Amino acid sequence: MPVCVVCSAWGEGALCSVCRRGLHRAAPVRLGGSLEVYAAFAHGATARRLVHRLKYTGIRCAAEVLAMAMLEAMPSDVTALVPVPRALARHFRYGVDPAVLLAGLIGREAGIPVVAALRAPLWWPSNAGTSRARRWSPGFRPMQAAPAGGVLVDDVVTTGATLLSAAARTQLHRALTATRAGEPVSG
């Protein structure tokens, strides 16, 4: 019998019925006036725990649950997935790059190519728990041109600083995330 990836209760799949009820869909939002963000879930309860399991312990089952929900939230005309890479120091520390893993799972399921168009800096301060005024915008470096019709892929959007920085470097105007926390900056 499977164990719930969120609460460790015995269940019938990756999530028990209680944790499944804790998932709430998120409506698309616009960031900075030009970036349309499609999130699978609101960043609360079960969704927040799934993201935490993915980011800090690399639990693949959590990534699979999130990726399938992201696939449902993704616009139908997407031609490529462009992951927003994690700071290299965090990638090495936690052993996982959430956006790359999510994009790979979505791409494999949907038959859409994953394009590594961005390189992350070695490190940037964590934005978790910081106010909008104190958020750090990472200095991504372009690796190659992002294809027209591509969508940025990330695990969570809060204020949007990271996604807006990635969008500026790729010239992409859409993003797909597993969760959306609070109310991001709108334009």
N, C-alpha and C. Protein backbone atom coordinates (compact mmCIF):
# COMPACT_ATOMS: atom_id res chain seq x y z
N MET A 1 0.85 -1.18 0.00
CA MET A 1 0.00 0.00 0.00
C MET A 1 0.90 1.24 0.00
N PRO A 2 0.61 2.22 -0.86
CA PRO A 2 1.44 3.43 -0.94
C PRO A 2 1.33 4.31 0.31
N VAL A 3 2.36 5.11 0.51
CA VAL A 3 2.40 6.07 1.60
C VAL A 3 2.32 7.48 1.01
N CYS A 4 1.50 8.34 1.60
CA CYS A 4 1.34 9.72 1.12
C CYS A 4 2.67 10.45 1.22
N VAL A 5 3.09 11.09 0.15
CA VAL A 5 4.36 11.82 0.11
C VAL A 5 4.34 13.06 1.01
N VAL A 6 3.17 13.54 1.36
CA VAL A 6 3.05 14.74 2.20
C VAL A 6 2.99 14.40 3.68
N CYS A 7 2.07 13.52 4.07
CA CYS A 7 1.83 13.29 5.51
C CYS A 7 2.26 11.90 5.99
N SER A 8 2.68 11.05 5.08
CA SER A 8 3.13 9.68 5.38
C SER A 8 2.01 8.74 5.82
N ALA A 9 0.76 9.13 5.63
CA ALA A 9 -0.36 8.24 5.94
C ALA A 9 -0.47 7.18 4.84
N TRP A 10 -1.00 6.02 5.21
CA TRP A 10 -1.26 5.00 4.20
C TRP A 10 -2.38 5.50 3.30
N GLY A 11 -2.25 5.30 2.03
CA GLY A 11 -3.26 5.79 1.12
C GLY A 11 -3.37 4.95 -0.13
N GLU A 12 -4.05 5.52 -1.10
CA GLU A 12 -4.28 4.79 -2.35
C GLU A 12 -3.40 5.28 -3.48
N GLY A 13 -2.53 6.23 -3.24
CA GLY A 13 -1.64 6.75 -4.27
C GLY A 13 -0.58 7.64 -3.65
N ALA A 14 -0.01 8.51 -4.47
CA ALA A 14 1.05 9.40 -4.00
C ALA A 14 0.56 10.35 -2.91
N LEU A 15 -0.75 10.67 -2.94
CA LEU A 15 -1.35 11.54 -1.93
C LEU A 15 -2.55 10.84 -1.31
N CYS A 16 -2.70 10.96 0.00
CA CYS A 16 -3.89 10.43 0.66
C CYS A 16 -5.08 11.35 0.34
N SER A 17 -6.26 10.91 0.66
CA SER A 17 -7.46 11.70 0.34
C SER A 17 -7.48 13.03 1.10
N VAL A 18 -6.98 13.06 2.32
CA VAL A 18 -6.96 14.31 3.09
C VAL A 18 -6.03 15.32 2.43
N CYS A 19 -4.83 14.89 2.07
CA CYS A 19 -3.88 15.80 1.43
C CYS A 19 -4.35 16.24 0.05
N ARG A 20 -4.99 15.32 -0.69
CA ARG A 20 -5.54 15.69 -2.00
C ARG A 20 -6.56 16.82 -1.86
N ARG A 21 -7.38 16.77 -0.80
CA ARG A 21 -8.37 17.83 -0.57
C ARG A 21 -7.70 19.15 -0.20
N GLY A 22 -6.44 19.12 0.23
CA GLY A 22 -5.70 20.33 0.58
C GLY A 22 -5.09 21.05 -0.60
N LEU A 23 -5.29 20.53 -1.80
CA LEU A 23 -4.78 21.17 -3.01
C LEU A 23 -5.84 22.10 -3.59
N HIS A 24 -5.44 23.33 -3.93
CA HIS A 24 -6.36 24.31 -4.50
C HIS A 24 -5.75 24.91 -5.75
N ARG A 25 -6.49 24.85 -6.83
CA ARG A 25 -6.02 25.39 -8.11
C ARG A 25 -5.79 26.90 -7.99
N ALA A 26 -4.86 27.41 -8.80
CA ALA A 26 -4.56 28.84 -8.82
C ALA A 26 -4.91 29.39 -10.20
N ALA A 27 -5.47 30.58 -10.22
CA ALA A 27 -5.80 31.25 -11.48
C ALA A 27 -4.54 31.89 -12.06
N PRO A 28 -4.45 32.03 -13.38
CA PRO A 28 -3.31 32.73 -13.97
C PRO A 28 -3.24 34.18 -13.48
N VAL A 29 -2.03 34.70 -13.40
CA VAL A 29 -1.81 36.10 -13.02
C VAL A 29 -0.81 36.73 -13.97
N ARG A 30 -0.81 38.04 -13.99
CA ARG A 30 0.15 38.79 -14.81
C ARG A 30 1.14 39.47 -13.88
N LEU A 31 2.43 39.32 -14.18
CA LEU A 31 3.50 39.95 -13.40
C LEU A 31 4.16 41.05 -14.23
N GLY A 32 4.46 42.16 -13.59
CA GLY A 32 5.21 43.21 -14.25
C GLY A 32 4.58 43.72 -15.52
N GLY A 33 3.33 43.47 -15.72
CA GLY A 33 2.63 43.97 -16.90
C GLY A 33 2.75 43.11 -18.14
N SER A 34 3.75 42.22 -18.19
CA SER A 34 3.94 41.48 -19.44
C SER A 34 4.14 39.98 -19.29
N LEU A 35 4.32 39.47 -18.07
CA LEU A 35 4.57 38.05 -17.89
C LEU A 35 3.32 37.36 -17.35
N GLU A 36 2.76 36.48 -18.15
CA GLU A 36 1.58 35.71 -17.76
C GLU A 36 2.06 34.44 -17.05
N VAL A 37 1.59 34.22 -15.82
CA VAL A 37 2.04 33.07 -15.03
C VAL A 37 0.87 32.12 -14.80
N TYR A 38 1.08 30.87 -15.17
CA TYR A 38 0.11 29.80 -14.98
C TYR A 38 0.65 28.90 -13.86
N ALA A 39 -0.05 28.83 -12.76
CA ALA A 39 0.37 27.99 -11.64
C ALA A 39 -0.63 26.86 -11.46
N ALA A 40 -0.12 25.69 -11.11
CA ALA A 40 -0.99 24.55 -10.89
C ALA A 40 -1.81 24.73 -9.62
N PHE A 41 -1.15 25.17 -8.53
CA PHE A 41 -1.82 25.25 -7.24
C PHE A 41 -1.49 26.54 -6.50
N ALA A 42 -2.39 26.93 -5.61
CA ALA A 42 -2.09 27.98 -4.64
C ALA A 42 -1.06 27.39 -3.67
N HIS A 43 -0.13 28.20 -3.21
CA HIS A 43 0.98 27.73 -2.38
C HIS A 43 0.56 27.66 -0.92
N GLY A 44 -0.25 26.67 -0.59
CA GLY A 44 -0.70 26.49 0.78
C GLY A 44 -0.82 25.02 1.09
N ALA A 45 -0.79 24.69 2.35
CA ALA A 45 -1.02 23.34 2.87
C ALA A 45 -0.28 22.28 2.06
N THR A 46 -1.01 21.44 1.36
CA THR A 46 -0.43 20.31 0.63
C THR A 46 0.56 20.76 -0.44
N ALA A 47 0.20 21.75 -1.23
CA ALA A 47 1.08 22.19 -2.33
C ALA A 47 2.41 22.72 -1.78
N ARG A 48 2.35 23.47 -0.70
CA ARG A 48 3.57 24.01 -0.09
C ARG A 48 4.46 22.87 0.38
N ARG A 49 3.87 21.84 0.98
CA ARG A 49 4.65 20.69 1.45
C ARG A 49 5.25 19.91 0.28
N LEU A 50 4.50 19.77 -0.80
CA LEU A 50 5.04 19.08 -1.98
C LEU A 50 6.26 19.82 -2.53
N VAL A 51 6.16 21.14 -2.64
CA VAL A 51 7.30 21.94 -3.12
C VAL A 51 8.48 21.79 -2.17
N HIS A 52 8.22 21.82 -0.87
CA HIS A 52 9.29 21.67 0.12
C HIS A 52 9.96 20.30 -0.03
N ARG A 53 9.17 19.25 -0.20
CA ARG A 53 9.74 17.91 -0.36
C ARG A 53 10.63 17.85 -1.61
N LEU A 54 10.20 18.51 -2.67
CA LEU A 54 10.97 18.54 -3.90
C LEU A 54 12.25 19.36 -3.73
N LYS A 55 12.13 20.59 -3.24
CA LYS A 55 13.28 21.51 -3.18
C LYS A 55 14.36 21.09 -2.21
N TYR A 56 13.97 20.56 -1.06
CA TYR A 56 14.95 20.34 0.00
C TYR A 56 15.28 18.88 0.27
N THR A 57 14.52 17.96 -0.31
CA THR A 57 14.86 16.55 -0.13
C THR A 57 14.91 15.79 -1.46
N GLY A 58 14.53 16.44 -2.55
CA GLY A 58 14.62 15.82 -3.87
C GLY A 58 13.71 14.64 -4.07
N ILE A 59 12.58 14.60 -3.38
CA ILE A 59 11.66 13.46 -3.52
C ILE A 59 10.98 13.52 -4.88
N ARG A 60 11.32 12.56 -5.71
CA ARG A 60 10.82 12.54 -7.09
C ARG A 60 9.30 12.40 -7.16
N CYS A 61 8.72 11.65 -6.26
CA CYS A 61 7.27 11.47 -6.26
C CYS A 61 6.56 12.81 -6.11
N ALA A 62 7.10 13.71 -5.30
CA ALA A 62 6.52 15.05 -5.15
C ALA A 62 6.60 15.79 -6.49
N ALA A 63 7.73 15.66 -7.17
CA ALA A 63 7.88 16.31 -8.48
C ALA A 63 6.88 15.75 -9.49
N GLU A 64 6.64 14.47 -9.44
CA GLU A 64 5.69 13.86 -10.38
C GLU A 64 4.27 14.37 -10.15
N VAL A 65 3.86 14.47 -8.90
CA VAL A 65 2.53 15.00 -8.59
C VAL A 65 2.41 16.44 -9.10
N LEU A 66 3.42 17.25 -8.81
CA LEU A 66 3.38 18.66 -9.24
C LEU A 66 3.43 18.79 -10.76
N ALA A 67 4.28 18.01 -11.40
CA ALA A 67 4.42 18.11 -12.86
C ALA A 67 3.12 17.76 -13.59
N MET A 68 2.42 16.73 -13.12
CA MET A 68 1.16 16.37 -13.79
C MET A 68 0.12 17.47 -13.63
N ALA A 69 0.10 18.13 -12.49
CA ALA A 69 -0.83 19.25 -12.30
C ALA A 69 -0.40 20.45 -13.14
N MET A 70 0.89 20.67 -13.27
CA MET A 70 1.38 21.76 -14.11
C MET A 70 1.02 21.53 -15.57
N LEU A 71 1.08 20.29 -15.99
CA LEU A 71 0.71 19.93 -17.35
C LEU A 71 -0.73 20.34 -17.64
N GLU A 72 -1.61 20.13 -16.67
CA GLU A 72 -3.01 20.51 -16.82
C GLU A 72 -3.18 22.03 -16.87
N ALA A 73 -2.31 22.78 -16.18
CA ALA A 73 -2.41 24.25 -16.15
C ALA A 73 -1.72 24.92 -17.34
N MET A 74 -0.91 24.16 -18.06
CA MET A 74 -0.10 24.72 -19.15
C MET A 74 -0.96 25.09 -20.36
N PRO A 75 -0.69 26.26 -20.97
CA PRO A 75 -1.39 26.62 -22.20
C PRO A 75 -1.14 25.57 -23.28
N SER A 76 -2.09 25.38 -24.16
CA SER A 76 -2.01 24.31 -25.16
C SER A 76 -1.03 24.59 -26.30
N ASP A 77 -0.62 25.84 -26.48
CA ASP A 77 0.24 26.17 -27.61
C ASP A 77 1.73 26.28 -27.26
N VAL A 78 2.15 25.73 -26.15
CA VAL A 78 3.55 25.79 -25.74
C VAL A 78 4.40 24.92 -26.65
N THR A 79 5.52 25.48 -27.13
CA THR A 79 6.40 24.74 -28.04
C THR A 79 7.70 24.29 -27.39
N ALA A 80 8.05 24.87 -26.22
CA ALA A 80 9.29 24.48 -25.53
C ALA A 80 9.18 24.89 -24.06
N LEU A 81 9.89 24.16 -23.22
CA LEU A 81 9.93 24.44 -21.79
C LEU A 81 11.33 24.94 -21.44
N VAL A 82 11.40 26.08 -20.77
CA VAL A 82 12.68 26.68 -20.40
C VAL A 82 12.76 26.76 -18.88
N PRO A 83 13.48 25.82 -18.25
CA PRO A 83 13.55 25.84 -16.79
C PRO A 83 14.33 27.05 -16.28
N VAL A 84 13.87 27.58 -15.15
CA VAL A 84 14.57 28.66 -14.46
C VAL A 84 15.51 27.97 -13.47
N PRO A 85 16.81 27.99 -13.76
CA PRO A 85 17.73 27.18 -12.95
C PRO A 85 17.93 27.72 -11.54
N ARG A 86 18.17 26.80 -10.64
CA ARG A 86 18.45 27.10 -9.23
C ARG A 86 19.90 27.57 -9.11
N ALA A 87 20.18 28.42 -8.14
CA ALA A 87 21.56 28.82 -7.88
C ALA A 87 22.41 27.55 -7.75
N LEU A 88 23.58 27.55 -8.36
CA LEU A 88 24.41 26.36 -8.38
C LEU A 88 24.75 25.86 -6.97
N ALA A 89 24.99 26.76 -6.04
CA ALA A 89 25.32 26.35 -4.67
C ALA A 89 24.16 25.57 -4.05
N ARG A 90 22.91 26.00 -4.30
CA ARG A 90 21.75 25.28 -3.75
C ARG A 90 21.54 23.95 -4.46
N HIS A 91 21.80 23.96 -5.77
CA HIS A 91 21.68 22.70 -6.52
C HIS A 91 22.63 21.66 -5.92
N PHE A 92 23.87 22.05 -5.66
CA PHE A 92 24.83 21.10 -5.07
C PHE A 92 24.44 20.74 -3.64
N ARG A 93 23.98 21.70 -2.88
CA ARG A 93 23.64 21.44 -1.47
C ARG A 93 22.48 20.45 -1.33
N TYR A 94 21.42 20.66 -2.14
CA TYR A 94 20.22 19.83 -2.00
C TYR A 94 20.14 18.70 -3.02
N GLY A 95 21.02 18.70 -4.01
CA GLY A 95 21.07 17.60 -4.97
C GLY A 95 19.96 17.59 -6.01
N VAL A 96 19.26 18.71 -6.15
CA VAL A 96 18.16 18.75 -7.11
C VAL A 96 17.98 20.18 -7.62
N ASP A 97 17.63 20.28 -8.88
CA ASP A 97 17.21 21.57 -9.45
C ASP A 97 15.73 21.39 -9.77
N PRO A 98 14.85 21.93 -8.91
CA PRO A 98 13.41 21.66 -9.07
C PRO A 98 12.85 22.01 -10.44
N ALA A 99 13.21 23.16 -10.99
CA ALA A 99 12.65 23.56 -12.28
C ALA A 99 13.10 22.63 -13.40
N VAL A 100 14.35 22.21 -13.36
CA VAL A 100 14.86 21.30 -14.39
C VAL A 100 14.14 19.95 -14.31
N LEU A 101 13.98 19.45 -13.09
CA LEU A 101 13.27 18.17 -12.91
C LEU A 101 11.82 18.28 -13.36
N LEU A 102 11.13 19.34 -12.95
CA LEU A 102 9.72 19.53 -13.35
C LEU A 102 9.59 19.67 -14.86
N ALA A 103 10.46 20.48 -15.48
CA ALA A 103 10.39 20.67 -16.94
C ALA A 103 10.64 19.34 -17.65
N GLY A 104 11.59 18.55 -17.16
CA GLY A 104 11.86 17.25 -17.78
C GLY A 104 10.67 16.30 -17.72
N LEU A 105 10.02 16.26 -16.57
CA LEU A 105 8.84 15.40 -16.42
C LEU A 105 7.69 15.86 -17.31
N ILE A 106 7.44 17.17 -17.34
CA ILE A 106 6.37 17.72 -18.18
C ILE A 106 6.69 17.49 -19.65
N GLY A 107 7.93 17.78 -20.03
CA GLY A 107 8.34 17.62 -21.42
C GLY A 107 8.20 16.19 -21.91
N ARG A 108 8.62 15.25 -21.07
CA ARG A 108 8.51 13.83 -21.43
C ARG A 108 7.05 13.42 -21.61
N GLU A 109 6.20 13.87 -20.70
CA GLU A 109 4.78 13.51 -20.75
C GLU A 109 4.08 14.15 -21.96
N ALA A 110 4.42 15.41 -22.25
CA ALA A 110 3.73 16.16 -23.31
C ALA A 110 4.44 16.09 -24.67
N GLY A 111 5.64 15.55 -24.70
CA GLY A 111 6.40 15.51 -25.95
C GLY A 111 6.88 16.88 -26.38
N ILE A 112 7.23 17.71 -25.40
CA ILE A 112 7.70 19.07 -25.66
C ILE A 112 9.17 19.15 -25.26
N PRO A 113 10.03 19.75 -26.11
CA PRO A 113 11.45 19.83 -25.76
C PRO A 113 11.71 20.76 -24.58
N VAL A 114 12.76 20.42 -23.83
CA VAL A 114 13.24 21.26 -22.74
C VAL A 114 14.50 21.94 -23.23
N VAL A 115 14.54 23.27 -23.13
CA VAL A 115 15.66 24.06 -23.64
C VAL A 115 16.36 24.74 -22.47
N ALA A 116 17.64 24.44 -22.29
CA ALA A 116 18.44 25.06 -21.23
C ALA A 116 18.94 26.41 -21.74
N ALA A 117 18.08 27.41 -21.69
CA ALA A 117 18.42 28.72 -22.24
C ALA A 117 19.09 29.65 -21.23
N LEU A 118 19.05 29.28 -19.94
CA LEU A 118 19.60 30.14 -18.89
C LEU A 118 20.65 29.42 -18.06
N ARG A 119 21.63 30.19 -17.61
CA ARG A 119 22.61 29.68 -16.65
C ARG A 119 22.42 30.48 -15.36
N ALA A 120 22.36 29.76 -14.26
CA ALA A 120 22.18 30.41 -12.96
C ALA A 120 23.53 30.89 -12.44
N PRO A 121 23.49 31.96 -11.64
CA PRO A 121 24.72 32.36 -10.96
C PRO A 121 25.09 31.31 -9.91
N LEU A 122 26.31 31.39 -9.42
CA LEU A 122 26.76 30.45 -8.39
C LEU A 122 25.88 30.53 -7.15
N TRP A 123 25.49 31.72 -6.77
CA TRP A 123 24.74 31.91 -5.54
C TRP A 123 23.97 33.23 -5.61
N TRP A 124 22.83 33.28 -4.92
CA TRP A 124 22.14 34.53 -4.63
C TRP A 124 21.41 34.32 -3.32
N PRO A 125 21.15 35.40 -2.58
CA PRO A 125 20.49 35.23 -1.28
C PRO A 125 19.12 34.59 -1.45
N SER A 126 18.75 33.77 -0.48
CA SER A 126 17.44 33.15 -0.50
C SER A 126 16.37 34.22 -0.36
N ASN A 127 15.33 34.12 -1.16
CA ASN A 127 14.22 35.06 -1.08
C ASN A 127 13.12 34.59 -0.14
N ALA A 128 13.21 33.36 0.32
CA ALA A 128 12.16 32.80 1.17
C ALA A 128 11.98 33.66 2.43
N GLY A 129 10.76 34.11 2.64
CA GLY A 129 10.43 34.86 3.85
C GLY A 129 10.84 36.32 3.84
N THR A 130 11.39 36.81 2.74
CA THR A 130 11.78 38.22 2.69
C THR A 130 10.67 39.07 2.08
N SER A 131 10.68 40.34 2.42
CA SER A 131 9.66 41.26 1.90
C SER A 131 9.94 41.54 0.43
N ARG A 132 8.95 42.06 -0.25
CA ARG A 132 9.12 42.41 -1.67
C ARG A 132 10.26 43.39 -1.88
N ALA A 133 10.39 44.35 -0.98
CA ALA A 133 11.43 45.37 -1.11
C ALA A 133 12.83 44.79 -0.98
N ARG A 134 12.96 43.65 -0.30
CA ARG A 134 14.28 43.06 -0.05
C ARG A 134 14.57 41.86 -0.94
N ARG A 135 13.72 41.59 -1.92
CA ARG A 135 13.92 40.44 -2.81
C ARG A 135 15.12 40.68 -3.72
N TRP A 136 15.84 39.62 -3.98
CA TRP A 136 17.00 39.65 -4.85
C TRP A 136 16.60 39.13 -6.22
N SER A 137 16.99 39.84 -7.27
CA SER A 137 16.75 39.37 -8.64
C SER A 137 18.02 38.71 -9.15
N PRO A 138 18.00 37.42 -9.40
CA PRO A 138 19.21 36.73 -9.84
C PRO A 138 19.67 37.21 -11.20
N GLY A 139 20.96 37.23 -11.40
CA GLY A 139 21.55 37.63 -12.67
C GLY A 139 21.77 36.44 -13.58
N PHE A 140 20.71 35.94 -14.17
CA PHE A 140 20.84 34.81 -15.08
C PHE A 140 21.64 35.22 -16.30
N ARG A 141 22.36 34.25 -16.87
CA ARG A 141 23.08 34.49 -18.12
C ARG A 141 22.46 33.63 -19.21
N PRO A 142 22.22 34.23 -20.38
CA PRO A 142 21.65 33.43 -21.46
C PRO A 142 22.66 32.41 -21.99
N MET A 143 22.20 31.20 -22.22
CA MET A 143 23.04 30.13 -22.79
C MET A 143 22.76 29.98 -24.29
N GLN A 144 21.49 30.18 -24.63
CA GLN A 144 21.05 30.11 -26.03
C GLN A 144 19.71 30.82 -26.13
N ALA A 145 19.30 31.10 -27.32
CA ALA A 145 18.02 31.78 -27.51
C ALA A 145 16.86 30.88 -27.10
N ALA A 146 15.93 31.46 -26.40
CA ALA A 146 14.71 30.72 -26.04
C ALA A 146 13.78 30.71 -27.25
N PRO A 147 13.21 29.56 -27.58
CA PRO A 147 12.34 29.49 -28.75
C PRO A 147 11.03 30.27 -28.57
N ALA A 148 10.57 30.85 -29.67
CA ALA A 148 9.26 31.50 -29.65
C ALA A 148 8.24 30.44 -29.28
N GLY A 149 7.27 30.82 -28.46
CA GLY A 149 6.27 29.86 -28.01
C GLY A 149 6.70 29.09 -26.79
N GLY A 150 7.91 29.39 -26.28
CA GLY A 150 8.40 28.72 -25.08
C GLY A 150 7.76 29.30 -23.83
N VAL A 151 7.88 28.55 -22.74
CA VAL A 151 7.35 28.98 -21.46
C VAL A 151 8.42 28.70 -20.40
N LEU A 152 8.63 29.67 -19.51
CA LEU A 152 9.54 29.48 -18.39
C LEU A 152 8.91 28.49 -17.41
N VAL A 153 9.71 27.66 -16.77
CA VAL A 153 9.21 26.69 -15.80
C VAL A 153 9.95 26.89 -14.49
N ASP A 154 9.20 27.03 -13.39
CA ASP A 154 9.79 27.16 -12.06
C ASP A 154 8.89 26.46 -11.06
N ASP A 155 9.40 26.25 -9.84
CA ASP A 155 8.62 25.53 -8.85
C ASP A 155 7.59 26.41 -8.14
N VAL A 156 7.94 27.65 -7.83
CA VAL A 156 7.03 28.52 -7.08
C VAL A 156 7.24 29.96 -7.51
N VAL A 157 6.18 30.72 -7.50
CA VAL A 157 6.29 32.17 -7.70
C VAL A 157 5.69 32.85 -6.47
N THR A 158 6.45 33.78 -5.92
CA THR A 158 5.95 34.57 -4.79
C THR A 158 5.76 36.00 -5.28
N THR A 159 6.79 36.81 -5.20
CA THR A 159 6.66 38.19 -5.70
C THR A 159 6.89 38.27 -7.20
N GLY A 160 7.58 37.29 -7.75
CA GLY A 160 7.86 37.28 -9.18
C GLY A 160 9.24 37.77 -9.56
N ALA A 161 10.07 38.14 -8.60
CA ALA A 161 11.39 38.70 -8.91
C ALA A 161 12.24 37.74 -9.74
N THR A 162 12.27 36.49 -9.38
CA THR A 162 13.08 35.51 -10.11
C THR A 162 12.54 35.30 -11.52
N LEU A 163 11.23 35.12 -11.65
CA LEU A 163 10.64 34.91 -12.98
C LEU A 163 10.81 36.14 -13.88
N LEU A 164 10.64 37.31 -13.32
CA LEU A 164 10.80 38.53 -14.12
C LEU A 164 12.24 38.68 -14.60
N SER A 165 13.20 38.30 -13.78
CA SER A 165 14.61 38.34 -14.19
C SER A 165 14.86 37.34 -15.32
N ALA A 166 14.30 36.15 -15.19
CA ALA A 166 14.45 35.12 -16.23
C ALA A 166 13.76 35.56 -17.52
N ALA A 167 12.58 36.15 -17.40
CA ALA A 167 11.84 36.62 -18.58
C ALA A 167 12.61 37.71 -19.31
N ALA A 168 13.24 38.60 -18.57
CA ALA A 168 14.02 39.67 -19.20
C ALA A 168 15.18 39.11 -20.01
N ARG A 169 15.79 38.03 -19.53
CA ARG A 169 16.92 37.42 -20.24
C ARG A 169 16.50 36.57 -21.43
N THR A 170 15.31 36.02 -21.39
CA THR A 170 14.88 35.11 -22.46
C THR A 170 13.90 35.75 -23.44
N GLN A 171 13.32 36.87 -23.05
CA GLN A 171 12.27 37.52 -23.85
C GLN A 171 11.01 36.67 -23.95
N LEU A 172 10.82 35.75 -23.00
CA LEU A 172 9.58 34.97 -22.96
C LEU A 172 8.55 35.72 -22.14
N HIS A 173 7.28 35.53 -22.47
CA HIS A 173 6.20 36.27 -21.82
C HIS A 173 5.22 35.38 -21.06
N ARG A 174 5.58 34.09 -20.91
CA ARG A 174 4.73 33.18 -20.15
C ARG A 174 5.59 32.31 -19.25
N ALA A 175 5.00 31.93 -18.12
CA ALA A 175 5.69 31.06 -17.18
C ALA A 175 4.70 30.05 -16.62
N LEU A 176 5.22 28.89 -16.24
CA LEU A 176 4.44 27.82 -15.66
C LEU A 176 5.11 27.43 -14.35
N THR A 177 4.35 27.47 -13.25
CA THR A 177 4.91 27.13 -11.95
C THR A 177 4.04 26.09 -11.26
N ALA A 178 4.65 25.38 -10.31
CA ALA A 178 3.89 24.39 -9.54
C ALA A 178 2.92 25.10 -8.60
N THR A 179 3.40 26.16 -7.93
CA THR A 179 2.55 26.88 -6.99
C THR A 179 2.72 28.38 -7.13
N ARG A 180 1.71 29.08 -6.63
CA ARG A 180 1.74 30.54 -6.58
C ARG A 180 1.42 30.95 -5.15
N ALA A 181 2.40 31.61 -4.52
CA ALA A 181 2.24 32.05 -3.13
C ALA A 181 1.69 33.46 -3.09
N GLY A 182 0.78 33.70 -2.15
CA GLY A 182 0.29 35.06 -1.93
C GLY A 182 -0.20 35.72 -3.20
N GLU A 183 -0.03 36.99 -3.21
CA GLU A 183 -0.40 37.78 -4.38
C GLU A 183 0.85 38.39 -4.99
N PRO A 184 1.34 37.84 -6.12
CA PRO A 184 2.53 38.39 -6.75
C PRO A 184 2.31 39.83 -7.22
N VAL A 185 3.41 40.49 -7.49
CA VAL A 185 3.38 41.85 -8.01
C VAL A 185 2.63 41.83 -9.34
N SER A 186 1.68 42.70 -9.52
CA SER A 186 0.96 42.75 -10.79
C SER A 186 1.25 44.08 -11.45
N GLY A 187 1.04 44.11 -12.74
CA GLY A 187 1.36 45.34 -13.44
C GLY A 187 0.24 45.83 -14.29
